[in-house]
Amino acid sequence: MKKIIETSNAPAPIGPYSQAVLVNDILYTSGQIAINPKTGALNINNIQEETEQVMQNLAAVLKAAGMDFADVFKSTIFISNMDDFAAINTIYGSYFDNDNAPARETVQVACLPKNVNVEISMLATK
């Protein structure tokens, strides 16, 4: 069974996709970028603030599905500059218990939506 997950506490989709889809107890989040859901403005002052906004957006999507970061088993991080990896990793890592951290890959890409510097998607299950 497929259930669309949506919340006003994360940015509305900027295209034909859902914030997340729950299928057979697995949550598939769409990639989140650093849009402040209250203002609609990009939060890209620096890579730390940008990553924090992305993680807050993901937290809101997870919460809307009745989950949290402890339920995440896979993450994908897309970044525009691998030189930002350490700063992104520090913020990202603060959301996980090292003993229960999800599988993950980090990929440098040529361009992300709205020319942001980081986008993260996740898979989670209860």
N, C-alpha and C. Protein backbone atom coordinates (compact mmCIF):
# COMPACT_ATOMS: atom_id res chain seq x y z
N MET A 1 0.83 -1.18 0.00
CA MET A 1 0.00 0.00 0.00
C MET A 1 0.88 1.25 0.00
N LYS A 2 0.49 2.23 -0.77
CA LYS A 2 1.25 3.48 -0.92
C LYS A 2 0.49 4.62 -0.24
N LYS A 3 1.21 5.36 0.61
CA LYS A 3 0.63 6.51 1.30
C LYS A 3 1.54 7.72 1.09
N ILE A 4 0.98 8.81 0.61
CA ILE A 4 1.74 10.06 0.43
C ILE A 4 1.86 10.75 1.78
N ILE A 5 3.07 11.17 2.11
CA ILE A 5 3.35 11.88 3.35
C ILE A 5 3.59 13.35 3.01
N GLU A 6 2.89 14.23 3.70
CA GLU A 6 3.13 15.65 3.49
C GLU A 6 2.93 16.41 4.80
N THR A 7 3.69 17.48 4.92
CA THR A 7 3.62 18.32 6.10
C THR A 7 3.93 19.77 5.72
N SER A 8 3.29 20.68 6.39
CA SER A 8 3.58 22.10 6.17
C SER A 8 4.85 22.52 6.91
N ASN A 9 5.41 21.61 7.72
CA ASN A 9 6.64 21.90 8.46
C ASN A 9 7.91 21.63 7.65
N ALA A 10 7.74 21.24 6.41
CA ALA A 10 8.86 21.08 5.46
C ALA A 10 8.44 21.78 4.18
N PRO A 11 9.40 22.14 3.33
CA PRO A 11 9.06 22.86 2.11
C PRO A 11 8.12 22.06 1.21
N ALA A 12 7.20 22.76 0.60
CA ALA A 12 6.32 22.13 -0.39
C ALA A 12 7.17 21.73 -1.59
N PRO A 13 6.82 20.64 -2.25
CA PRO A 13 7.57 20.23 -3.44
C PRO A 13 7.61 21.34 -4.49
N ILE A 14 8.74 21.43 -5.19
CA ILE A 14 8.89 22.44 -6.24
C ILE A 14 8.72 21.82 -7.63
N GLY A 15 8.14 20.64 -7.65
CA GLY A 15 7.91 19.93 -8.90
C GLY A 15 6.90 18.83 -8.68
N PRO A 16 6.74 17.94 -9.65
CA PRO A 16 5.75 16.86 -9.54
C PRO A 16 6.26 15.68 -8.73
N TYR A 17 6.38 15.87 -7.42
CA TYR A 17 6.81 14.81 -6.52
C TYR A 17 6.23 15.07 -5.13
N SER A 18 6.29 14.09 -4.27
CA SER A 18 5.81 14.20 -2.90
C SER A 18 7.00 14.39 -1.96
N GLN A 19 6.73 14.94 -0.78
CA GLN A 19 7.80 15.07 0.21
C GLN A 19 8.32 13.69 0.60
N ALA A 20 7.41 12.73 0.69
CA ALA A 20 7.78 11.35 1.00
C ALA A 20 6.63 10.43 0.63
N VAL A 21 6.98 9.17 0.45
CA VAL A 21 5.98 8.14 0.17
C VAL A 21 6.28 6.96 1.09
N LEU A 22 5.24 6.47 1.76
CA LEU A 22 5.36 5.30 2.62
C LEU A 22 4.79 4.11 1.87
N VAL A 23 5.63 3.08 1.68
CA VAL A 23 5.22 1.87 0.97
C VAL A 23 5.62 0.67 1.83
N ASN A 24 4.63 -0.10 2.25
CA ASN A 24 4.91 -1.31 3.03
C ASN A 24 5.89 -1.05 4.18
N ASP A 25 5.63 -0.04 4.97
CA ASP A 25 6.42 0.32 6.16
C ASP A 25 7.80 0.90 5.85
N ILE A 26 8.10 1.17 4.59
CA ILE A 26 9.35 1.83 4.23
C ILE A 26 9.03 3.24 3.75
N LEU A 27 9.69 4.22 4.34
CA LEU A 27 9.50 5.61 3.97
C LEU A 27 10.60 6.03 3.01
N TYR A 28 10.22 6.56 1.88
CA TYR A 28 11.13 7.08 0.87
C TYR A 28 10.96 8.59 0.87
N THR A 29 11.96 9.32 1.36
CA THR A 29 11.85 10.78 1.34
C THR A 29 12.41 11.30 0.02
N SER A 30 11.81 12.35 -0.46
CA SER A 30 12.42 13.06 -1.58
C SER A 30 13.60 13.85 -1.04
N GLY A 31 14.50 14.23 -1.92
CA GLY A 31 15.63 15.04 -1.49
C GLY A 31 15.15 16.36 -0.92
N GLN A 32 15.74 16.75 0.19
CA GLN A 32 15.41 18.03 0.80
C GLN A 32 16.57 18.99 0.60
N ILE A 33 16.21 20.23 0.30
CA ILE A 33 17.19 21.30 0.20
C ILE A 33 16.87 22.33 1.27
N ALA A 34 17.66 23.36 1.37
CA ALA A 34 17.58 24.31 2.49
C ALA A 34 16.56 25.42 2.26
N ILE A 35 15.34 25.03 2.01
CA ILE A 35 14.25 26.01 1.93
C ILE A 35 13.60 26.08 3.31
N ASN A 36 13.47 27.28 3.84
CA ASN A 36 12.78 27.48 5.10
C ASN A 36 11.29 27.34 4.82
N PRO A 37 10.61 26.36 5.42
CA PRO A 37 9.21 26.13 5.11
C PRO A 37 8.27 27.26 5.56
N LYS A 38 8.70 28.06 6.52
CA LYS A 38 7.86 29.17 6.99
C LYS A 38 7.91 30.36 6.06
N THR A 39 9.08 30.60 5.45
CA THR A 39 9.24 31.79 4.60
C THR A 39 9.33 31.46 3.12
N GLY A 40 9.69 30.23 2.80
CA GLY A 40 9.91 29.85 1.41
C GLY A 40 11.26 30.30 0.87
N ALA A 41 12.06 30.94 1.72
CA ALA A 41 13.37 31.45 1.31
C ALA A 41 14.44 30.38 1.47
N LEU A 42 15.44 30.44 0.61
CA LEU A 42 16.60 29.56 0.74
C LEU A 42 17.44 30.00 1.94
N ASN A 43 17.95 29.05 2.69
CA ASN A 43 18.83 29.33 3.83
C ASN A 43 20.21 28.83 3.43
N ILE A 44 20.93 29.65 2.67
CA ILE A 44 22.25 29.24 2.16
C ILE A 44 23.34 30.24 2.54
N ASN A 45 23.22 30.81 3.74
CA ASN A 45 24.23 31.77 4.21
C ASN A 45 25.61 31.14 4.33
N ASN A 46 25.65 29.90 4.83
CA ASN A 46 26.89 29.15 4.90
C ASN A 46 26.53 27.67 4.91
N ILE A 47 27.49 26.81 4.68
CA ILE A 47 27.19 25.38 4.51
C ILE A 47 26.66 24.75 5.80
N GLN A 48 27.07 25.25 6.96
CA GLN A 48 26.56 24.70 8.21
C GLN A 48 25.07 25.01 8.37
N GLU A 49 24.68 26.27 8.16
CA GLU A 49 23.26 26.65 8.26
C GLU A 49 22.44 25.94 7.20
N GLU A 50 22.99 25.82 6.01
CA GLU A 50 22.29 25.15 4.93
C GLU A 50 22.02 23.68 5.27
N THR A 51 23.03 23.00 5.77
CA THR A 51 22.88 21.59 6.14
C THR A 51 21.91 21.44 7.30
N GLU A 52 21.98 22.33 8.27
CA GLU A 52 21.05 22.30 9.41
C GLU A 52 19.61 22.44 8.93
N GLN A 53 19.36 23.34 7.98
CA GLN A 53 18.00 23.51 7.45
C GLN A 53 17.53 22.25 6.73
N VAL A 54 18.42 21.64 5.96
CA VAL A 54 18.08 20.39 5.27
C VAL A 54 17.69 19.33 6.29
N MET A 55 18.47 19.20 7.35
CA MET A 55 18.19 18.17 8.36
C MET A 55 16.90 18.48 9.12
N GLN A 56 16.62 19.74 9.38
CA GLN A 56 15.35 20.11 10.02
C GLN A 56 14.18 19.77 9.11
N ASN A 57 14.33 19.99 7.82
CA ASN A 57 13.28 19.65 6.87
C ASN A 57 13.04 18.14 6.85
N LEU A 58 14.13 17.38 6.86
CA LEU A 58 13.99 15.92 6.89
C LEU A 58 13.35 15.46 8.20
N ALA A 59 13.71 16.08 9.31
CA ALA A 59 13.10 15.74 10.59
C ALA A 59 11.59 15.94 10.54
N ALA A 60 11.14 17.02 9.91
CA ALA A 60 9.71 17.30 9.80
C ALA A 60 9.00 16.25 8.95
N VAL A 61 9.63 15.82 7.87
CA VAL A 61 9.04 14.79 7.00
C VAL A 61 8.99 13.46 7.75
N LEU A 62 10.07 13.10 8.42
CA LEU A 62 10.08 11.87 9.21
C LEU A 62 8.98 11.90 10.27
N LYS A 63 8.86 13.02 10.97
CA LYS A 63 7.84 13.15 12.03
C LYS A 63 6.44 12.99 11.45
N ALA A 64 6.20 13.56 10.28
CA ALA A 64 4.88 13.44 9.64
C ALA A 64 4.52 11.99 9.35
N ALA A 65 5.53 11.15 9.22
CA ALA A 65 5.33 9.71 8.97
C ALA A 65 5.38 8.90 10.27
N GLY A 66 5.50 9.59 11.42
CA GLY A 66 5.58 8.90 12.70
C GLY A 66 6.95 8.29 12.96
N MET A 67 7.98 8.87 12.37
CA MET A 67 9.34 8.35 12.50
C MET A 67 10.29 9.45 12.95
N ASP A 68 11.54 9.05 13.19
CA ASP A 68 12.60 10.00 13.48
C ASP A 68 13.92 9.46 12.92
N PHE A 69 15.01 10.12 13.20
CA PHE A 69 16.29 9.73 12.61
C PHE A 69 16.75 8.34 13.04
N ALA A 70 16.28 7.85 14.18
CA ALA A 70 16.64 6.50 14.61
C ALA A 70 16.06 5.44 13.67
N ASP A 71 15.04 5.80 12.90
CA ASP A 71 14.40 4.88 11.96
C ASP A 71 15.04 4.89 10.57
N VAL A 72 15.95 5.81 10.33
CA VAL A 72 16.60 5.93 9.02
C VAL A 72 17.63 4.82 8.84
N PHE A 73 17.55 4.11 7.72
CA PHE A 73 18.53 3.05 7.46
C PHE A 73 19.40 3.34 6.25
N LYS A 74 19.09 4.38 5.47
CA LYS A 74 19.88 4.71 4.28
C LYS A 74 19.74 6.19 3.98
N SER A 75 20.84 6.84 3.67
CA SER A 75 20.85 8.26 3.28
C SER A 75 21.69 8.43 2.02
N THR A 76 21.30 9.40 1.24
CA THR A 76 22.11 9.83 0.10
C THR A 76 22.31 11.33 0.22
N ILE A 77 23.56 11.74 0.16
CA ILE A 77 23.90 13.16 0.24
C ILE A 77 24.52 13.58 -1.08
N PHE A 78 23.92 14.60 -1.67
CA PHE A 78 24.43 15.19 -2.90
C PHE A 78 25.01 16.54 -2.54
N ILE A 79 26.26 16.79 -2.93
CA ILE A 79 26.88 18.07 -2.63
C ILE A 79 27.51 18.65 -3.89
N SER A 80 27.56 19.96 -3.95
CA SER A 80 28.12 20.61 -5.14
C SER A 80 29.63 20.78 -5.05
N ASN A 81 30.19 20.64 -3.83
CA ASN A 81 31.63 20.84 -3.65
C ASN A 81 32.13 19.89 -2.56
N MET A 82 32.94 18.94 -2.92
CA MET A 82 33.45 17.96 -1.96
C MET A 82 34.27 18.62 -0.85
N ASP A 83 34.74 19.84 -1.07
CA ASP A 83 35.45 20.56 -0.02
C ASP A 83 34.55 20.87 1.18
N ASP A 84 33.22 20.83 0.99
CA ASP A 84 32.27 21.07 2.07
C ASP A 84 31.94 19.81 2.85
N PHE A 85 32.51 18.67 2.45
CA PHE A 85 32.15 17.39 3.06
C PHE A 85 32.29 17.38 4.58
N ALA A 86 33.40 17.85 5.11
CA ALA A 86 33.64 17.78 6.56
C ALA A 86 32.59 18.59 7.32
N ALA A 87 32.28 19.78 6.85
CA ALA A 87 31.28 20.62 7.54
C ALA A 87 29.89 19.98 7.46
N ILE A 88 29.53 19.47 6.31
CA ILE A 88 28.24 18.79 6.14
C ILE A 88 28.19 17.57 7.05
N ASN A 89 29.24 16.79 7.05
CA ASN A 89 29.30 15.56 7.84
C ASN A 89 29.15 15.83 9.33
N THR A 90 29.72 16.92 9.81
CA THR A 90 29.61 17.26 11.22
C THR A 90 28.16 17.53 11.61
N ILE A 91 27.46 18.33 10.81
CA ILE A 91 26.05 18.64 11.09
C ILE A 91 25.21 17.38 10.94
N TYR A 92 25.36 16.68 9.83
CA TYR A 92 24.61 15.45 9.56
C TYR A 92 24.82 14.45 10.69
N GLY A 93 26.06 14.24 11.09
CA GLY A 93 26.39 13.27 12.11
C GLY A 93 25.79 13.58 13.47
N SER A 94 25.51 14.84 13.74
CA SER A 94 24.94 15.21 15.03
C SER A 94 23.50 14.71 15.19
N TYR A 95 22.89 14.26 14.12
CA TYR A 95 21.51 13.76 14.16
C TYR A 95 21.43 12.25 14.36
N PHE A 96 22.57 11.57 14.39
CA PHE A 96 22.57 10.12 14.48
C PHE A 96 23.43 9.62 15.62
N ASP A 97 23.02 8.51 16.19
CA ASP A 97 23.81 7.76 17.16
C ASP A 97 24.81 6.93 16.34
N ASN A 98 26.08 7.06 16.60
CA ASN A 98 27.10 6.35 15.82
C ASN A 98 26.90 4.84 15.81
N ASP A 99 26.33 4.29 16.86
CA ASP A 99 26.11 2.85 16.93
C ASP A 99 24.94 2.39 16.07
N ASN A 100 24.10 3.36 15.61
CA ASN A 100 22.91 3.03 14.83
C ASN A 100 22.83 3.89 13.56
N ALA A 101 23.96 4.39 13.11
CA ALA A 101 23.96 5.28 11.94
C ALA A 101 23.55 4.51 10.68
N PRO A 102 22.86 5.19 9.76
CA PRO A 102 22.42 4.52 8.54
C PRO A 102 23.56 4.31 7.55
N ALA A 103 23.31 3.45 6.58
CA ALA A 103 24.21 3.35 5.43
C ALA A 103 24.10 4.67 4.67
N ARG A 104 25.17 5.03 3.94
CA ARG A 104 25.14 6.34 3.28
C ARG A 104 26.16 6.40 2.16
N GLU A 105 25.83 7.20 1.16
CA GLU A 105 26.83 7.61 0.19
C GLU A 105 26.75 9.12 0.04
N THR A 106 27.87 9.72 -0.32
CA THR A 106 27.95 11.15 -0.57
C THR A 106 28.55 11.33 -1.96
N VAL A 107 27.86 12.09 -2.79
CA VAL A 107 28.25 12.24 -4.18
C VAL A 107 28.34 13.72 -4.53
N GLN A 108 29.43 14.10 -5.17
CA GLN A 108 29.54 15.46 -5.69
C GLN A 108 28.85 15.51 -7.04
N VAL A 109 28.00 16.52 -7.22
CA VAL A 109 27.25 16.68 -8.47
C VAL A 109 27.52 18.05 -9.07
N ALA A 110 27.22 18.19 -10.34
CA ALA A 110 27.50 19.44 -11.05
C ALA A 110 26.57 20.57 -10.63
N CYS A 111 25.29 20.25 -10.38
CA CYS A 111 24.33 21.29 -10.06
C CYS A 111 23.15 20.67 -9.33
N LEU A 112 22.63 21.39 -8.34
CA LEU A 112 21.46 20.95 -7.58
C LEU A 112 20.32 21.95 -7.78
N PRO A 113 19.08 21.56 -7.46
CA PRO A 113 17.96 22.48 -7.63
C PRO A 113 18.20 23.81 -6.93
N LYS A 114 17.81 24.88 -7.59
CA LYS A 114 17.95 26.24 -7.06
C LYS A 114 19.40 26.60 -6.73
N ASN A 115 20.34 25.87 -7.31
CA ASN A 115 21.78 26.10 -7.11
C ASN A 115 22.21 26.02 -5.65
N VAL A 116 21.56 25.12 -4.89
CA VAL A 116 21.97 24.92 -3.49
C VAL A 116 23.25 24.12 -3.45
N ASN A 117 23.81 23.96 -2.27
CA ASN A 117 25.08 23.27 -2.10
C ASN A 117 24.95 21.84 -1.57
N VAL A 118 23.77 21.52 -1.01
CA VAL A 118 23.56 20.18 -0.44
C VAL A 118 22.10 19.78 -0.56
N GLU A 119 21.88 18.51 -0.87
CA GLU A 119 20.54 17.91 -0.90
C GLU A 119 20.68 16.51 -0.30
N ILE A 120 19.73 16.14 0.55
CA ILE A 120 19.79 14.85 1.23
C ILE A 120 18.44 14.15 1.12
N SER A 121 18.49 12.85 0.80
CA SER A 121 17.29 12.02 0.83
C SER A 121 17.54 10.85 1.77
N MET A 122 16.45 10.24 2.24
CA MET A 122 16.58 9.15 3.22
C MET A 122 15.55 8.05 2.98
N LEU A 123 15.89 6.87 3.49
CA LEU A 123 14.97 5.74 3.57
C LEU A 123 14.86 5.39 5.05
N ALA A 124 13.63 5.12 5.52
CA ALA A 124 13.43 4.82 6.93
C ALA A 124 12.34 3.76 7.08
N THR A 125 12.37 3.07 8.20
CA THR A 125 11.35 2.07 8.50
C THR A 125 11.19 1.95 10.01
N LYS A 126 10.04 1.56 10.46
CA LYS A 126 9.79 1.32 11.89
C LYS A 126 10.13 -0.10 12.23
